[in-house]
């Protein structure tokens, strides 16, 4: 899974690793339509502790991992802050 900001990959890794870097209860994936969200929901079945589909948002609830590293798999450092709109 990857987080894309401004058309470039900001960080990537497993959902559990991304959640550990971001903190919070879940990873929320905002998609362009309900149909796309339903497809993503099906494709991600079995990922994490549970999933939730809410209109065009898929929520992945992941187990919490200790914050070990804030280095992305691309080697760049990432602070784990949420991108601004």
N, C-alpha and C. Protein backbone atom coordinates (compact mmCIF):
# COMPACT_ATOMS: atom_id res chain seq x y z
N UNK A 1 0.85 -1.15 0.00
CA UNK A 1 0.00 0.00 0.00
C UNK A 1 0.90 1.22 0.00
N UNK A 2 0.48 2.29 -0.67
CA UNK A 2 1.27 3.52 -0.74
C UNK A 2 0.39 4.73 -0.44
N UNK A 3 0.99 5.75 0.13
CA UNK A 3 0.32 7.03 0.33
C UNK A 3 0.91 7.97 -0.71
N UNK A 4 0.03 8.53 -1.55
CA UNK A 4 0.46 9.41 -2.63
C UNK A 4 0.03 10.83 -2.30
N UNK A 5 0.97 11.75 -2.35
CA UNK A 5 0.72 13.16 -2.09
C UNK A 5 1.27 13.95 -3.26
N UNK A 6 0.42 14.73 -3.89
CA UNK A 6 0.86 15.54 -5.02
C UNK A 6 1.37 14.72 -6.19
N UNK A 7 0.80 13.54 -6.37
CA UNK A 7 1.19 12.69 -7.49
C UNK A 7 2.47 11.89 -7.27
N UNK A 8 3.07 12.00 -6.09
CA UNK A 8 4.31 11.26 -5.78
C UNK A 8 4.10 10.40 -4.55
N UNK A 9 4.77 9.27 -4.51
CA UNK A 9 4.67 8.37 -3.36
C UNK A 9 5.38 9.01 -2.18
N UNK A 10 4.62 9.29 -1.12
CA UNK A 10 5.20 9.87 0.10
C UNK A 10 5.81 8.77 0.96
N UNK A 11 5.14 7.63 1.02
CA UNK A 11 5.63 6.47 1.76
C UNK A 11 4.86 5.25 1.30
N UNK A 12 5.41 4.09 1.55
CA UNK A 12 4.68 2.87 1.25
C UNK A 12 5.10 1.79 2.22
N UNK A 13 4.25 0.81 2.35
CA UNK A 13 4.50 -0.29 3.27
C UNK A 13 3.21 -1.04 3.54
N UNK A 14 3.27 -1.96 4.47
CA UNK A 14 2.07 -2.72 4.81
C UNK A 14 1.10 -1.80 5.54
N UNK A 15 -0.20 -2.11 5.50
CA UNK A 15 -1.16 -1.29 6.24
C UNK A 15 -0.81 -1.15 7.72
N UNK A 16 -0.32 -2.21 8.34
CA UNK A 16 0.04 -2.15 9.76
C UNK A 16 1.20 -1.19 9.99
N UNK A 17 2.19 -1.19 9.12
CA UNK A 17 3.33 -0.27 9.25
C UNK A 17 2.90 1.18 9.03
N UNK A 18 2.04 1.41 8.04
CA UNK A 18 1.57 2.77 7.80
C UNK A 18 0.76 3.27 8.99
N UNK A 19 -0.07 2.42 9.56
CA UNK A 19 -0.86 2.82 10.71
C UNK A 19 0.05 3.14 11.89
N UNK A 20 1.10 2.34 12.07
CA UNK A 20 2.04 2.60 13.16
C UNK A 20 2.71 3.96 12.97
N UNK A 21 3.02 4.31 11.73
CA UNK A 21 3.66 5.60 11.46
C UNK A 21 2.69 6.75 11.65
N UNK A 22 1.43 6.56 11.24
CA UNK A 22 0.43 7.62 11.32
C UNK A 22 -0.22 7.72 12.68
N UNK A 23 -0.35 6.60 13.36
CA UNK A 23 -1.11 6.56 14.60
C UNK A 23 -2.59 6.53 14.26
N UNK A 24 -3.42 6.58 15.25
CA UNK A 24 -4.86 6.57 15.01
C UNK A 24 -5.43 5.18 15.04
N UNK A 25 -6.75 5.12 14.95
CA UNK A 25 -7.46 3.86 15.07
C UNK A 25 -7.51 3.09 13.76
N UNK A 26 -7.53 3.81 12.64
CA UNK A 26 -7.71 3.13 11.36
C UNK A 26 -7.01 3.88 10.23
N UNK A 27 -6.88 3.21 9.12
CA UNK A 27 -6.44 3.84 7.88
C UNK A 27 -7.70 4.04 7.05
N UNK A 28 -7.98 5.27 6.65
CA UNK A 28 -9.17 5.59 5.87
C UNK A 28 -8.78 5.85 4.43
N UNK A 29 -9.36 5.08 3.53
CA UNK A 29 -9.09 5.23 2.11
C UNK A 29 -10.29 5.91 1.45
N UNK A 30 -10.12 7.15 1.02
CA UNK A 30 -11.18 7.88 0.35
C UNK A 30 -11.05 7.63 -1.15
N UNK A 31 -12.08 7.05 -1.73
CA UNK A 31 -12.05 6.70 -3.15
C UNK A 31 -13.01 7.58 -3.94
N UNK A 32 -12.92 7.51 -5.26
CA UNK A 32 -13.68 8.44 -6.10
C UNK A 32 -15.16 8.11 -6.23
N UNK A 33 -15.59 6.91 -5.85
CA UNK A 33 -17.00 6.56 -5.95
C UNK A 33 -17.32 5.38 -5.03
N UNK A 34 -18.59 5.17 -4.80
CA UNK A 34 -19.04 4.02 -4.00
C UNK A 34 -18.62 2.72 -4.69
N UNK A 35 -18.75 2.68 -6.01
CA UNK A 35 -18.40 1.48 -6.77
C UNK A 35 -16.92 1.14 -6.60
N UNK A 36 -16.07 2.13 -6.70
CA UNK A 36 -14.63 1.90 -6.53
C UNK A 36 -14.34 1.46 -5.10
N UNK A 37 -15.02 2.07 -4.13
CA UNK A 37 -14.83 1.70 -2.73
C UNK A 37 -15.26 0.25 -2.49
N UNK A 38 -16.35 -0.18 -3.11
CA UNK A 38 -16.79 -1.57 -2.96
C UNK A 38 -15.75 -2.54 -3.53
N UNK A 39 -15.16 -2.19 -4.67
CA UNK A 39 -14.13 -3.04 -5.27
C UNK A 39 -12.89 -3.11 -4.36
N UNK A 40 -12.50 -1.96 -3.82
CA UNK A 40 -11.34 -1.93 -2.90
C UNK A 40 -11.64 -2.73 -1.65
N UNK A 41 -12.85 -2.59 -1.13
CA UNK A 41 -13.26 -3.32 0.07
C UNK A 41 -13.12 -4.83 -0.15
N UNK A 42 -13.59 -5.30 -1.29
CA UNK A 42 -13.50 -6.73 -1.62
C UNK A 42 -12.05 -7.16 -1.78
N UNK A 43 -11.25 -6.34 -2.47
CA UNK A 43 -9.84 -6.68 -2.71
C UNK A 43 -9.04 -6.72 -1.42
N UNK A 44 -9.44 -5.95 -0.42
CA UNK A 44 -8.70 -5.86 0.84
C UNK A 44 -9.24 -6.77 1.93
N UNK A 45 -10.23 -7.61 1.60
CA UNK A 45 -10.78 -8.53 2.60
C UNK A 45 -9.66 -9.35 3.22
N UNK A 46 -9.73 -9.48 4.54
CA UNK A 46 -8.72 -10.24 5.26
C UNK A 46 -7.52 -9.40 5.69
N UNK A 47 -7.52 -8.11 5.31
CA UNK A 47 -6.44 -7.22 5.72
C UNK A 47 -6.79 -6.61 7.06
N UNK A 48 -5.94 -6.80 8.04
CA UNK A 48 -6.17 -6.18 9.35
C UNK A 48 -7.17 -6.92 10.20
N UNK A 49 -7.53 -6.28 11.30
CA UNK A 49 -8.47 -6.87 12.26
C UNK A 49 -9.89 -6.86 11.72
N UNK A 50 -10.26 -5.77 11.06
CA UNK A 50 -11.59 -5.67 10.45
C UNK A 50 -11.59 -4.52 9.45
N UNK A 51 -12.65 -4.47 8.66
CA UNK A 51 -12.81 -3.43 7.66
C UNK A 51 -14.22 -2.86 7.75
N UNK A 52 -14.36 -1.64 7.23
CA UNK A 52 -15.68 -1.00 7.21
C UNK A 52 -15.81 -0.24 5.90
N UNK A 53 -16.98 -0.34 5.28
CA UNK A 53 -17.27 0.40 4.06
C UNK A 53 -18.33 1.44 4.39
N UNK A 54 -18.03 2.71 4.11
CA UNK A 54 -18.96 3.81 4.38
C UNK A 54 -18.99 4.71 3.16
N UNK A 55 -19.98 4.54 2.31
CA UNK A 55 -20.11 5.25 1.04
C UNK A 55 -18.85 5.09 0.20
N UNK A 56 -18.01 6.13 0.09
CA UNK A 56 -16.81 6.05 -0.74
C UNK A 56 -15.53 5.94 0.09
N UNK A 57 -15.67 5.50 1.35
CA UNK A 57 -14.52 5.36 2.25
C UNK A 57 -14.42 3.91 2.72
N UNK A 58 -13.20 3.37 2.62
CA UNK A 58 -12.91 2.06 3.19
C UNK A 58 -12.02 2.30 4.41
N UNK A 59 -12.40 1.76 5.55
CA UNK A 59 -11.60 1.88 6.77
C UNK A 59 -10.98 0.53 7.08
N UNK A 60 -9.68 0.54 7.30
CA UNK A 60 -8.95 -0.66 7.69
C UNK A 60 -8.52 -0.49 9.14
N UNK A 61 -8.97 -1.38 10.01
CA UNK A 61 -8.58 -1.36 11.41
C UNK A 61 -7.45 -2.37 11.57
N UNK A 62 -6.28 -1.86 11.94
CA UNK A 62 -5.08 -2.68 11.98
C UNK A 62 -4.60 -2.85 13.42
N UNK A 63 -3.88 -3.95 13.68
CA UNK A 63 -3.27 -4.09 15.00
C UNK A 63 -2.18 -3.03 15.15
N UNK A 64 -1.98 -2.56 16.35
CA UNK A 64 -0.97 -1.53 16.60
C UNK A 64 0.40 -2.16 16.69
N UNK A 65 1.36 -1.60 15.95
CA UNK A 65 2.75 -2.03 16.01
C UNK A 65 3.56 -0.95 16.72
N UNK A 66 4.66 -1.33 17.36
CA UNK A 66 5.50 -0.30 17.98
C UNK A 66 6.11 0.60 16.91
N UNK A 67 6.32 1.86 17.23
CA UNK A 67 6.94 2.80 16.29
C UNK A 67 8.44 2.52 16.25
N UNK A 68 8.86 1.73 15.27
CA UNK A 68 10.27 1.36 15.16
C UNK A 68 11.04 2.31 14.27
N UNK A 69 10.49 2.60 13.12
CA UNK A 69 11.23 3.39 12.15
C UNK A 69 10.28 4.30 11.40
N UNK A 70 10.72 5.46 11.08
CA UNK A 70 9.94 6.37 10.27
C UNK A 70 10.60 6.52 8.90
N UNK A 71 11.32 5.51 8.48
CA UNK A 71 11.89 5.51 7.14
C UNK A 71 10.96 4.74 6.23
N UNK A 72 10.68 5.32 5.08
CA UNK A 72 9.83 4.63 4.12
C UNK A 72 10.64 3.57 3.41
N UNK A 73 9.96 2.68 2.71
CA UNK A 73 10.67 1.64 1.98
C UNK A 73 11.43 2.21 0.80
N UNK A 74 11.19 3.47 0.44
CA UNK A 74 11.95 4.11 -0.64
C UNK A 74 13.23 4.73 -0.10
N UNK A 75 13.39 4.70 1.24
CA UNK A 75 14.60 5.23 1.85
C UNK A 75 14.46 6.67 2.31
N UNK A 76 13.40 7.33 1.93
CA UNK A 76 13.24 8.72 2.36
C UNK A 76 12.59 8.75 3.74
N UNK A 77 12.90 9.77 4.50
CA UNK A 77 12.33 9.88 5.82
C UNK A 77 10.96 10.53 5.73
N UNK A 78 10.07 10.10 6.57
CA UNK A 78 8.69 10.60 6.54
C UNK A 78 8.24 10.77 7.97
N UNK A 79 7.68 11.91 8.28
CA UNK A 79 7.34 12.24 9.65
C UNK A 79 6.03 11.64 10.14
N UNK A 80 5.22 11.09 9.27
CA UNK A 80 3.97 10.50 9.71
C UNK A 80 2.85 11.50 9.91
N UNK A 81 3.06 12.74 9.48
CA UNK A 81 1.98 13.70 9.58
C UNK A 81 1.03 13.53 8.43
N UNK A 82 -0.18 13.93 8.63
CA UNK A 82 -1.17 13.81 7.56
C UNK A 82 -0.97 14.95 6.57
N UNK A 83 -1.05 14.66 5.26
CA UNK A 83 -0.87 15.73 4.27
C UNK A 83 -1.98 16.76 4.34
N UNK A 84 -1.63 18.00 4.09
CA UNK A 84 -2.64 19.05 4.09
C UNK A 84 -3.37 19.03 2.76
N UNK A 85 -4.64 19.50 2.72
CA UNK A 85 -5.42 19.46 1.47
C UNK A 85 -4.88 20.39 0.42
